[in-house]
Amino acid sequence: MDAQNFTWIPVGTTIPEDLIDVLLFDEKDGQWIGYYFRDTGHFIRAVDGAILKNISHWMPLPANPR
């Protein structure tokens, strides 16, 4: 069985790749699936396209089941 390391990554350390869905932690609104949009420098909530302004951490989503 493959084990994945699910560790929160501070946005001050690194940001996710452009336009790739990740799990985001917003200090005001909790956890969301979203992505980073490099052209604007914003984190975007995937469900409705809202800009998330209080993102402190992120982590990759797990791999799809086999």
Protein backbone atom coordinates (compact mmCIF):
# COMPACT_ATOMS: atom_id res chain seq x y z
CA MET A 1 0.00 0.00 0.00
CA ASP A 2 1.32 3.43 -0.93
CA ALA A 3 1.39 5.95 1.90
CA GLN A 4 1.00 9.62 1.15
CA ASN A 5 2.24 12.39 3.38
CA PHE A 6 -0.58 14.84 4.04
CA THR A 7 1.17 17.81 5.57
CA TRP A 8 -0.09 21.39 5.48
CA ILE A 9 2.34 23.66 3.60
CA PRO A 10 2.50 27.33 4.70
CA VAL A 11 1.93 29.73 1.79
CA GLY A 12 4.94 31.70 3.06
CA THR A 13 7.09 28.66 2.25
CA THR A 14 5.77 27.82 -1.20
CA ILE A 15 2.61 28.18 -3.25
CA PRO A 16 0.95 25.47 -5.33
CA GLU A 17 1.41 25.15 -9.07
CA ASP A 18 -0.77 27.41 -11.17
CA LEU A 19 -4.37 26.21 -11.75
CA ILE A 20 -3.96 22.83 -10.00
CA ASP A 21 -6.70 21.85 -7.50
CA VAL A 22 -5.40 21.57 -3.93
CA LEU A 23 -6.85 21.62 -0.42
CA LEU A 24 -6.71 25.16 0.97
CA PHE A 25 -7.01 26.38 4.56
CA ASP A 26 -8.60 29.81 4.94
CA GLU A 27 -8.10 31.21 8.46
CA LYS A 28 -11.58 32.73 8.36
CA ASP A 29 -13.62 30.19 6.36
CA GLY A 30 -11.92 26.80 6.95
CA GLN A 31 -11.01 24.19 4.35
CA TRP A 32 -11.81 24.43 0.66
CA ILE A 33 -10.77 22.81 -2.58
CA GLY A 34 -9.38 25.49 -4.84
CA TYR A 35 -6.39 26.60 -6.85
CA TYR A 36 -3.82 29.36 -7.14
CA PHE A 37 -4.16 31.72 -10.12
CA ARG A 38 -0.68 33.07 -10.76
CA ASP A 39 -1.83 35.84 -13.16
CA THR A 40 -3.71 37.60 -10.33
CA GLY A 41 -1.91 36.16 -7.30
CA HIS A 42 -5.21 34.97 -5.83
CA PHE A 43 -6.41 31.69 -4.39
CA ILE A 44 -9.74 30.74 -5.97
CA ARG A 45 -12.43 28.50 -4.44
CA ALA A 46 -13.25 25.77 -6.98
CA VAL A 47 -16.96 25.44 -6.14
CA ASP A 48 -17.94 29.01 -7.04
CA GLY A 49 -14.86 30.91 -8.24
CA ALA A 50 -14.75 33.17 -5.16
CA ILE A 51 -11.42 34.73 -4.20
CA LEU A 52 -10.16 33.41 -0.84
CA LYS A 53 -8.23 36.14 0.94
CA ASN A 54 -7.09 34.44 4.16
CA ILE A 55 -5.23 31.37 2.91
CA SER A 56 -2.46 30.39 5.28
CA HIS A 57 -1.77 26.78 4.22
CA TRP A 58 -2.41 24.29 1.44
CA MET A 59 -1.76 20.62 0.62
CA PRO A 60 -2.01 18.45 -2.49
CA LEU A 61 -5.17 16.42 -2.94
CA PRO A 62 -4.80 12.66 -2.58
CA ALA A 63 -4.39 10.51 -5.68
CA ASN A 64 -7.50 9.00 -7.25
CA PRO A 65 -8.34 5.46 -6.15
CA ARG A 66 -7.05 2.66 -8.31
